[in-house]
Amino acid sequence: MKALRESRQATIARARQTIKENNVVFKAIRQQIATEAKTVPEIAEVLEMDTAIVLRFVSALKKYGEALEDTKDGDYFKYKLVEQAP
């Protein structure tokens, strides 16, 4: 077991780092859409990120019920956070 744990230590460390980085992005996106609905390009511009990456994160928030589509602005939907019950 010890040898197995040691052999996977680097993989586990990379996975933990990726999770931390993803959580930072999720938090930043949540902050952007908490008070005002925004499109993916608007979020990407403010966060200085690629729109494809932002879309992937917004899609995950939508999939897990944390964000939803609001009005449509041109070709893009605006996204906002789902209001949480107190």
PDB file of N, CA and C in Angstrom:
ATOM      1  N   MET A   1       0.813  -1.193   0.000  1.00  0.00           N
ATOM      2  CA  MET A   1       0.000   0.000   0.000  1.00  0.00           C
ATOM      3  C   MET A   1       0.860   1.261   0.000  1.00  0.00           C
ATOM      4  N   LYS A   2       1.918   1.216   0.797  1.00  0.00           N
ATOM      5  CA  LYS A   2       2.778   2.385   0.905  1.00  0.00           C
ATOM      6  C   LYS A   2       3.401   2.727  -0.442  1.00  0.00           C
ATOM      7  N   ALA A   3       3.856   1.718  -1.164  1.00  0.00           N
ATOM      8  CA  ALA A   3       4.467   1.941  -2.474  1.00  0.00           C
ATOM      9  C   ALA A   3       3.446   2.497  -3.462  1.00  0.00           C
ATOM     10  N   LEU A   4       2.252   1.986  -3.411  1.00  0.00           N
ATOM     11  CA  LEU A   4       1.184   2.472  -4.286  1.00  0.00           C
ATOM     12  C   LEU A   4       0.870   3.932  -3.994  1.00  0.00           C
ATOM     13  N   ARG A   5       0.758   4.258  -2.739  1.00  0.00           N
ATOM     14  CA  ARG A   5       0.483   5.636  -2.324  1.00  0.00           C
ATOM     15  C   ARG A   5       1.587   6.581  -2.798  1.00  0.00           C
ATOM     16  N   GLU A   6       2.823   6.159  -2.657  1.00  0.00           N
ATOM     17  CA  GLU A   6       3.951   6.977  -3.091  1.00  0.00           C
ATOM     18  C   GLU A   6       3.976   7.152  -4.608  1.00  0.00           C
ATOM     19  N   SER A   7       3.619   6.092  -5.336  1.00  0.00           N
ATOM     20  CA  SER A   7       3.635   6.184  -6.797  1.00  0.00           C
ATOM     21  C   SER A   7       2.548   7.107  -7.324  1.00  0.00           C
ATOM     22  N   ARG A   8       1.482   7.254  -6.598  1.00  0.00           N
ATOM     23  CA  ARG A   8       0.365   8.111  -7.031  1.00  0.00           C
ATOM     24  C   ARG A   8       0.403   9.508  -6.417  1.00  0.00           C
ATOM     25  N   GLN A   9       1.386   9.779  -5.624  1.00  0.00           N
ATOM     26  CA  GLN A   9       1.467  11.050  -4.911  1.00  0.00           C
ATOM     27  C   GLN A   9       1.489  12.245  -5.867  1.00  0.00           C
ATOM     28  N   ALA A  10       2.231  12.175  -6.938  1.00  0.00           N
ATOM     29  CA  ALA A  10       2.311  13.290  -7.897  1.00  0.00           C
ATOM     30  C   ALA A  10       0.973  13.501  -8.593  1.00  0.00           C
ATOM     31  N   THR A  11       0.309  12.426  -8.944  1.00  0.00           N
ATOM     32  CA  THR A  11      -1.002  12.522  -9.603  1.00  0.00           C
ATOM     33  C   THR A  11      -2.025  13.152  -8.675  1.00  0.00           C
ATOM     34  N   ILE A  12      -2.006  12.752  -7.443  1.00  0.00           N
ATOM     35  CA  ILE A  12      -2.934  13.303  -6.456  1.00  0.00           C
ATOM     36  C   ILE A  12      -2.651  14.780  -6.224  1.00  0.00           C
ATOM     37  N   ALA A  13      -1.404  15.156  -6.169  1.00  0.00           N
ATOM     38  CA  ALA A  13      -1.028  16.568  -5.978  1.00  0.00           C
ATOM     39  C   ALA A  13      -1.506  17.416  -7.156  1.00  0.00           C
ATOM     40  N   ARG A  14      -1.344  16.901  -8.383  1.00  0.00           N
ATOM     41  CA  ARG A  14      -1.821  17.633  -9.570  1.00  0.00           C
ATOM     42  C   ARG A  14      -3.335  17.782  -9.539  1.00  0.00           C
ATOM     43  N   ALA A  15      -4.037  16.735  -9.157  1.00  0.00           N
ATOM     44  CA  ALA A  15      -5.497  16.779  -9.087  1.00  0.00           C
ATOM     45  C   ALA A  15      -5.954  17.802  -8.048  1.00  0.00           C
ATOM     46  N   ARG A  16      -5.308  17.828  -6.908  1.00  0.00           N
ATOM     47  CA  ARG A  16      -5.653  18.809  -5.871  1.00  0.00           C
ATOM     48  C   ARG A  16      -5.423  20.230  -6.354  1.00  0.00           C
ATOM     49  N   GLN A  17      -4.324  20.453  -7.063  1.00  0.00           N
ATOM     50  CA  GLN A  17      -4.017  21.778  -7.588  1.00  0.00           C
ATOM     51  C   GLN A  17      -5.053  22.199  -8.628  1.00  0.00           C
ATOM     52  N   THR A  18      -5.449  21.288  -9.488  1.00  0.00           N
ATOM     53  CA  THR A  18      -6.467  21.580 -10.503  1.00  0.00           C
ATOM     54  C   THR A  18      -7.795  21.942  -9.853  1.00  0.00           C
ATOM     55  N   ILE A  19      -8.168  21.216  -8.822  1.00  0.00           N
ATOM     56  CA  ILE A  19      -9.415  21.508  -8.105  1.00  0.00           C
ATOM     57  C   ILE A  19      -9.362  22.895  -7.478  1.00  0.00           C
ATOM     58  N   LYS A  20      -8.238  23.248  -6.879  1.00  0.00           N
ATOM     59  CA  LYS A  20      -8.082  24.576  -6.287  1.00  0.00           C
ATOM     60  C   LYS A  20      -8.218  25.663  -7.346  1.00  0.00           C
ATOM     61  N   GLU A  21      -7.564  25.468  -8.481  1.00  0.00           N
ATOM     62  CA  GLU A  21      -7.637  26.456  -9.563  1.00  0.00           C
ATOM     63  C   GLU A  21      -9.063  26.581 -10.102  1.00  0.00           C
ATOM     64  N   ASN A  22      -9.745  25.449 -10.271  1.00  0.00           N
ATOM     65  CA  ASN A  22     -11.127  25.480 -10.745  1.00  0.00           C
ATOM     66  C   ASN A  22     -12.042  26.193  -9.761  1.00  0.00           C
ATOM     67  N   ASN A  23     -11.828  25.965  -8.478  1.00  0.00           N
ATOM     68  CA  ASN A  23     -12.653  26.631  -7.464  1.00  0.00           C
ATOM     69  C   ASN A  23     -12.479  28.151  -7.505  1.00  0.00           C
ATOM     70  N   VAL A  24     -11.271  28.616  -7.809  1.00  0.00           N
ATOM     71  CA  VAL A  24     -11.027  30.056  -7.942  1.00  0.00           C
ATOM     72  C   VAL A  24     -11.836  30.620  -9.111  1.00  0.00           C
ATOM     73  N   VAL A  25     -11.835  29.887 -10.237  1.00  0.00           N
ATOM     74  CA  VAL A  25     -12.587  30.336 -11.413  1.00  0.00           C
ATOM     75  C   VAL A  25     -14.086  30.322 -11.131  1.00  0.00           C
ATOM     76  N   PHE A  26     -14.586  29.244 -10.522  1.00  0.00           N
ATOM     77  CA  PHE A  26     -16.010  29.173 -10.177  1.00  0.00           C
ATOM     78  C   PHE A  26     -16.414  30.351  -9.295  1.00  0.00           C
ATOM     79  N   LYS A  27     -15.597  30.652  -8.307  1.00  0.00           N
ATOM     80  CA  LYS A  27     -15.898  31.754  -7.395  1.00  0.00           C
ATOM     81  C   LYS A  27     -15.940  33.088  -8.138  1.00  0.00           C
ATOM     82  N   ALA A  28     -14.982  33.306  -9.027  1.00  0.00           N
ATOM     83  CA  ALA A  28     -14.934  34.555  -9.790  1.00  0.00           C
ATOM     84  C   ALA A  28     -16.162  34.697 -10.683  1.00  0.00           C
ATOM     85  N   ILE A  29     -16.572  33.607 -11.314  1.00  0.00           N
ATOM     86  CA  ILE A  29     -17.759  33.652 -12.178  1.00  0.00           C
ATOM     87  C   ILE A  29     -19.006  33.887 -11.339  1.00  0.00           C
ATOM     88  N   ARG A  30     -19.119  33.204 -10.213  1.00  0.00           N
ATOM     89  CA  ARG A  30     -20.275  33.428  -9.332  1.00  0.00           C
ATOM     90  C   ARG A  30     -20.354  34.891  -8.899  1.00  0.00           C
ATOM     91  N   GLN A  31     -19.219  35.499  -8.589  1.00  0.00           N
ATOM     92  CA  GLN A  31     -19.210  36.906  -8.187  1.00  0.00           C
ATOM     93  C   GLN A  31     -19.687  37.801  -9.324  1.00  0.00           C
ATOM     94  N   GLN A  32     -19.328  37.464 -10.551  1.00  0.00           N
ATOM     95  CA  GLN A  32     -19.725  38.282 -11.694  1.00  0.00           C
ATOM     96  C   GLN A  32     -21.227  38.238 -11.945  1.00  0.00           C
ATOM     97  N   ILE A  33     -21.851  37.082 -11.725  1.00  0.00           N
ATOM     98  CA  ILE A  33     -23.273  36.953 -12.035  1.00  0.00           C
ATOM     99  C   ILE A  33     -24.165  37.007 -10.801  1.00  0.00           C
ATOM    100  N   ALA A  34     -23.582  37.326  -9.661  1.00  0.00           N
ATOM    101  CA  ALA A  34     -24.368  37.365  -8.419  1.00  0.00           C
ATOM    102  C   ALA A  34     -25.334  38.538  -8.379  1.00  0.00           C
ATOM    103  N   THR A  35     -24.902  39.689  -8.831  1.00  0.00           N
ATOM    104  CA  THR A  35     -25.743  40.885  -8.721  1.00  0.00           C
ATOM    105  C   THR A  35     -26.388  41.280 -10.037  1.00  0.00           C
ATOM    106  N   GLU A  36     -25.805  40.838 -11.151  1.00  0.00           N
ATOM    107  CA  GLU A  36     -26.307  41.242 -12.463  1.00  0.00           C
ATOM    108  C   GLU A  36     -26.089  40.104 -13.455  1.00  0.00           C
ATOM    109  N   ALA A  37     -27.111  39.783 -14.241  1.00  0.00           N
ATOM    110  CA  ALA A  37     -26.977  38.751 -15.265  1.00  0.00           C
ATOM    111  C   ALA A  37     -26.020  39.238 -16.348  1.00  0.00           C
ATOM    112  N   LYS A  38     -25.138  38.333 -16.787  1.00  0.00           N
ATOM    113  CA  LYS A  38     -24.148  38.684 -17.807  1.00  0.00           C
ATOM    114  C   LYS A  38     -24.024  37.561 -18.821  1.00  0.00           C
ATOM    115  N   THR A  39     -23.596  37.924 -20.019  1.00  0.00           N
ATOM    116  CA  THR A  39     -23.330  36.926 -21.050  1.00  0.00           C
ATOM    117  C   THR A  39     -21.949  36.329 -20.836  1.00  0.00           C
ATOM    118  N   VAL A  40     -21.710  35.195 -21.479  1.00  0.00           N
ATOM    119  CA  VAL A  40     -20.402  34.555 -21.379  1.00  0.00           C
ATOM    120  C   VAL A  40     -19.291  35.482 -21.877  1.00  0.00           C
ATOM    121  N   PRO A  41     -19.457  36.166 -23.038  1.00  0.00           N
ATOM    122  CA  PRO A  41     -18.392  37.086 -23.455  1.00  0.00           C
ATOM    123  C   PRO A  41     -18.145  38.221 -22.466  1.00  0.00           C
ATOM    124  N   GLU A  42     -19.200  38.723 -21.813  1.00  0.00           N
ATOM    125  CA  GLU A  42     -19.015  39.775 -20.806  1.00  0.00           C
ATOM    126  C   GLU A  42     -18.210  39.265 -19.619  1.00  0.00           C
ATOM    127  N   ILE A  43     -18.529  38.069 -19.168  1.00  0.00           N
ATOM    128  CA  ILE A  43     -17.803  37.473 -18.040  1.00  0.00           C
ATOM    129  C   ILE A  43     -16.345  37.249 -18.431  1.00  0.00           C
ATOM    130  N   ALA A  44     -16.140  36.702 -19.634  1.00  0.00           N
ATOM    131  CA  ALA A  44     -14.785  36.417 -20.106  1.00  0.00           C
ATOM    132  C   ALA A  44     -13.947  37.687 -20.214  1.00  0.00           C
ATOM    133  N   GLU A  45     -14.568  38.768 -20.657  1.00  0.00           N
ATOM    134  CA  GLU A  45     -13.841  40.025 -20.795  1.00  0.00           C
ATOM    135  C   GLU A  45     -13.401  40.557 -19.435  1.00  0.00           C
ATOM    136  N   VAL A  46     -14.302  40.537 -18.466  1.00  0.00           N
ATOM    137  CA  VAL A  46     -13.971  41.043 -17.136  1.00  0.00           C
ATOM    138  C   VAL A  46     -12.891  40.184 -16.479  1.00  0.00           C
ATOM    139  N   LEU A  47     -12.997  38.873 -16.633  1.00  0.00           N
ATOM    140  CA  LEU A  47     -12.041  37.962 -15.995  1.00  0.00           C
ATOM    141  C   LEU A  47     -10.778  37.745 -16.828  1.00  0.00           C
ATOM    142  N   GLU A  48     -10.769  38.329 -18.036  1.00  0.00           N
ATOM    143  CA  GLU A  48      -9.639  38.173 -18.951  1.00  0.00           C
ATOM    144  C   GLU A  48      -9.331  36.697 -19.206  1.00  0.00           C
ATOM    145  N   MET A  49     -10.393  35.965 -19.553  1.00  0.00           N
ATOM    146  CA  MET A  49     -10.284  34.539 -19.840  1.00  0.00           C
ATOM    147  C   MET A  49     -10.850  34.256 -21.221  1.00  0.00           C
ATOM    148  N   ASP A  50     -10.500  33.123 -21.768  1.00  0.00           N
ATOM    149  CA  ASP A  50     -11.038  32.681 -23.043  1.00  0.00           C
ATOM    150  C   ASP A  50     -12.530  32.361 -22.885  1.00  0.00           C
ATOM    151  N   THR A  51     -13.345  32.761 -23.861  1.00  0.00           N
ATOM    152  CA  THR A  51     -14.793  32.541 -23.753  1.00  0.00           C
ATOM    153  C   THR A  51     -15.144  31.063 -23.711  1.00  0.00           C
ATOM    154  N   ALA A  52     -14.387  30.214 -24.396  1.00  0.00           N
ATOM    155  CA  ALA A  52     -14.670  28.779 -24.390  1.00  0.00           C
ATOM    156  C   ALA A  52     -14.510  28.201 -22.989  1.00  0.00           C
ATOM    157  N   ILE A  53     -13.519  28.663 -22.270  1.00  0.00           N
ATOM    158  CA  ILE A  53     -13.297  28.179 -20.902  1.00  0.00           C
ATOM    159  C   ILE A  53     -14.408  28.674 -19.986  1.00  0.00           C
ATOM    160  N   VAL A  54     -14.765  29.949 -20.121  1.00  0.00           N
ATOM    161  CA  VAL A  54     -15.847  30.506 -19.306  1.00  0.00           C
ATOM    162  C   VAL A  54     -17.149  29.768 -19.588  1.00  0.00           C
ATOM    163  N   LEU A  55     -17.411  29.484 -20.860  1.00  0.00           N
ATOM    164  CA  LEU A  55     -18.629  28.755 -21.218  1.00  0.00           C
ATOM    165  C   LEU A  55     -18.664  27.383 -20.550  1.00  0.00           C
ATOM    166  N   ARG A  56     -17.534  26.722 -20.497  1.00  0.00           N
ATOM    167  CA  ARG A  56     -17.464  25.406 -19.849  1.00  0.00           C
ATOM    168  C   ARG A  56     -17.811  25.513 -18.362  1.00  0.00           C
ATOM    169  N   PHE A  57     -17.295  26.529 -17.690  1.00  0.00           N
ATOM    170  CA  PHE A  57     -17.577  26.703 -16.271  1.00  0.00           C
ATOM    171  C   PHE A  57     -19.028  27.121 -16.041  1.00  0.00           C
ATOM    172  N   VAL A  58     -19.544  28.022 -16.877  1.00  0.00           N
ATOM    173  CA  VAL A  58     -20.938  28.448 -16.740  1.00  0.00           C
ATOM    174  C   VAL A  58     -21.869  27.271 -17.005  1.00  0.00           C
ATOM    175  N   SER A  59     -21.522  26.433 -17.972  1.00  0.00           N
ATOM    176  CA  SER A  59     -22.326  25.246 -18.259  1.00  0.00           C
ATOM    177  C   SER A  59     -22.361  24.304 -17.059  1.00  0.00           C
ATOM    178  N   ALA A  60     -21.242  24.180 -16.380  1.00  0.00           N
ATOM    179  CA  ALA A  60     -21.199  23.336 -15.180  1.00  0.00           C
ATOM    180  C   ALA A  60     -22.073  23.929 -14.081  1.00  0.00           C
ATOM    181  N   LEU A  61     -22.010  25.250 -13.897  1.00  0.00           N
ATOM    182  CA  LEU A  61     -22.865  25.893 -12.894  1.00  0.00           C
ATOM    183  C   LEU A  61     -24.333  25.687 -13.235  1.00  0.00           C
ATOM    184  N   LYS A  62     -24.655  25.785 -14.517  1.00  0.00           N
ATOM    185  CA  LYS A  62     -26.033  25.579 -14.961  1.00  0.00           C
ATOM    186  C   LYS A  62     -26.458  24.126 -14.746  1.00  0.00           C
ATOM    187  N   LYS A  63     -25.595  23.199 -15.098  1.00  0.00           N
ATOM    188  CA  LYS A  63     -25.900  21.775 -14.965  1.00  0.00           C
ATOM    189  C   LYS A  63     -26.222  21.395 -13.519  1.00  0.00           C
ATOM    190  N   TYR A  64     -25.490  21.983 -12.593  1.00  0.00           N
ATOM    191  CA  TYR A  64     -25.670  21.624 -11.188  1.00  0.00           C
ATOM    192  C   TYR A  64     -26.600  22.575 -10.441  1.00  0.00           C
ATOM    193  N   GLY A  65     -27.365  23.375 -11.191  1.00  0.00           N
ATOM    194  CA  GLY A  65     -28.425  24.174 -10.596  1.00  0.00           C
ATOM    195  C   GLY A  65     -27.975  25.417  -9.863  1.00  0.00           C
ATOM    196  N   GLU A  66     -26.772  25.898 -10.121  1.00  0.00           N
ATOM    197  CA  GLU A  66     -26.291  27.106  -9.453  1.00  0.00           C
ATOM    198  C   GLU A  66     -26.510  28.356 -10.285  1.00  0.00           C
ATOM    199  N   ALA A  67     -26.664  28.188 -11.605  1.00  0.00           N
ATOM    200  CA  ALA A  67     -26.888  29.326 -12.500  1.00  0.00           C
ATOM    201  C   ALA A  67     -27.999  28.954 -13.470  1.00  0.00           C
ATOM    202  N   LEU A  68     -28.644  29.994 -14.003  1.00  0.00           N
ATOM    203  CA  LEU A  68     -29.669  29.742 -14.999  1.00  0.00           C
ATOM    204  C   LEU A  68     -29.661  30.832 -16.050  1.00  0.00           C
ATOM    205  N   GLU A  69     -30.246  30.474 -17.203  1.00  0.00           N
ATOM    206  CA  GLU A  69     -30.319  31.437 -18.296  1.00  0.00           C
ATOM    207  C   GLU A  69     -31.352  32.495 -17.964  1.00  0.00           C
ATOM    208  N   ASP A  70     -31.016  33.726 -18.249  1.00  0.00           N
ATOM    209  CA  ASP A  70     -31.934  34.844 -18.033  1.00  0.00           C
ATOM    210  C   ASP A  70     -32.372  35.317 -19.420  1.00  0.00           C
ATOM    211  N   THR A  71     -32.437  36.577 -19.631  1.00  0.00           N
ATOM    212  CA  THR A  71     -32.843  37.119 -20.923  1.00  0.00           C
ATOM    213  C   THR A  71     -31.764  36.892 -21.970  1.00  0.00           C
ATOM    214  N   LYS A  72     -32.145  37.061 -23.210  1.00  0.00           N
ATOM    215  CA  LYS A  72     -31.185  36.915 -24.301  1.00  0.00           C
ATOM    216  C   LYS A  72     -30.728  38.296 -24.729  1.00  0.00           C
ATOM    217  N   ASP A  73     -29.427  38.444 -24.908  1.00  0.00           N
ATOM    218  CA  ASP A  73     -28.833  39.705 -25.340  1.00  0.00           C
ATOM    219  C   ASP A  73     -28.180  39.455 -26.695  1.00  0.00           C
ATOM    220  N   GLY A  74     -28.904  39.767 -27.783  1.00  0.00           N
ATOM    221  CA  GLY A  74     -28.393  39.453 -29.116  1.00  0.00           C
ATOM    222  C   GLY A  74     -28.376  37.959 -29.319  1.00  0.00           C
ATOM    223  N   ASP A  75     -27.190  37.417 -29.580  1.00  0.00           N
ATOM    224  CA  ASP A  75     -27.052  35.980 -29.802  1.00  0.00           C
ATOM    225  C   ASP A  75     -26.756  35.195 -28.521  1.00  0.00           C
ATOM    226  N   TYR A  76     -26.568  35.893 -27.421  1.00  0.00           N
ATOM    227  CA  TYR A  76     -26.127  35.244 -26.186  1.00  0.00           C
ATOM    228  C   TYR A  76     -27.163  35.349 -25.080  1.00  0.00           C
ATOM    229  N   PHE A  77     -27.280  34.263 -24.306  1.00  0.00           N
ATOM    230  CA  PHE A  77     -28.100  34.318 -23.106  1.00  0.00           C
ATOM    231  C   PHE A  77     -27.299  34.986 -22.004  1.00  0.00           C
ATOM    232  N   LYS A  78     -28.005  35.678 -21.144  1.00  0.00           N
ATOM    233  CA  LYS A  78     -27.380  36.201 -19.929  1.00  0.00           C
ATOM    234  C   LYS A  78     -27.587  35.148 -18.840  1.00  0.00           C
ATOM    235  N   TYR A  79     -26.617  35.005 -17.991  1.00  0.00           N
ATOM    236  CA  TYR A  79     -26.692  34.021 -16.914  1.00  0.00           C
ATOM    237  C   TYR A  79     -26.697  34.740 -15.576  1.00  0.00           C
ATOM    238  N   LYS A  80     -27.442  34.171 -14.636  1.00  0.00           N
ATOM    239  CA  LYS A  80     -27.476  34.707 -13.280  1.00  0.00           C
ATOM    240  C   LYS A  80     -27.476  33.560 -12.297  1.00  0.00           C
ATOM    241  N   LEU A  81     -27.111  33.878 -11.068  1.00  0.00           N
ATOM    242  CA  LEU A  81     -27.113  32.853 -10.028  1.00  0.00           C
ATOM    243  C   LEU A  81     -28.535  32.535  -9.618  1.00  0.00           C
ATOM    244  N   VAL A  82     -28.762  31.289  -9.259  1.00  0.00           N
ATOM    245  CA  VAL A  82     -30.059  30.881  -8.735  1.00  0.00           C
ATOM    246  C   VAL A  82     -30.147  31.404  -7.311  1.00  0.00           C
ATOM    247  N   GLU A  83     -31.271  32.004  -6.984  1.00  0.00           N
ATOM    248  CA  GLU A  83     -31.432  32.524  -5.624  1.00  0.00           C
ATOM    249  C   GLU A  83     -31.590  31.353  -4.660  1.00  0.00           C
ATOM    250  N   GLN A  84     -30.793  31.381  -3.625  1.00  0.00           N
ATOM    251  CA  GLN A  84     -30.806  30.315  -2.624  1.00  0.00           C
ATOM    252  C   GLN A  84     -31.849  30.617  -1.562  1.00  0.00           C
ATOM    253  N   ALA A  85     -32.552  29.585  -1.126  1.00  0.00           N
ATOM    254  CA  ALA A  85     -33.528  29.741  -0.056  1.00  0.00           C
ATOM    255  C   ALA A  85     -32.794  29.997   1.254  1.00  0.00           C
ATOM    256  N   PRO A  86     -33.341  30.880   2.113  1.00  0.00           N
ATOM    257  CA  PRO A  86     -32.664  31.182   3.385  1.00  0.00           C
ATOM    258  C   PRO A  86     -32.649  30.038   4.355  1.00  0.00           C
TER     259      PRO A  86
END
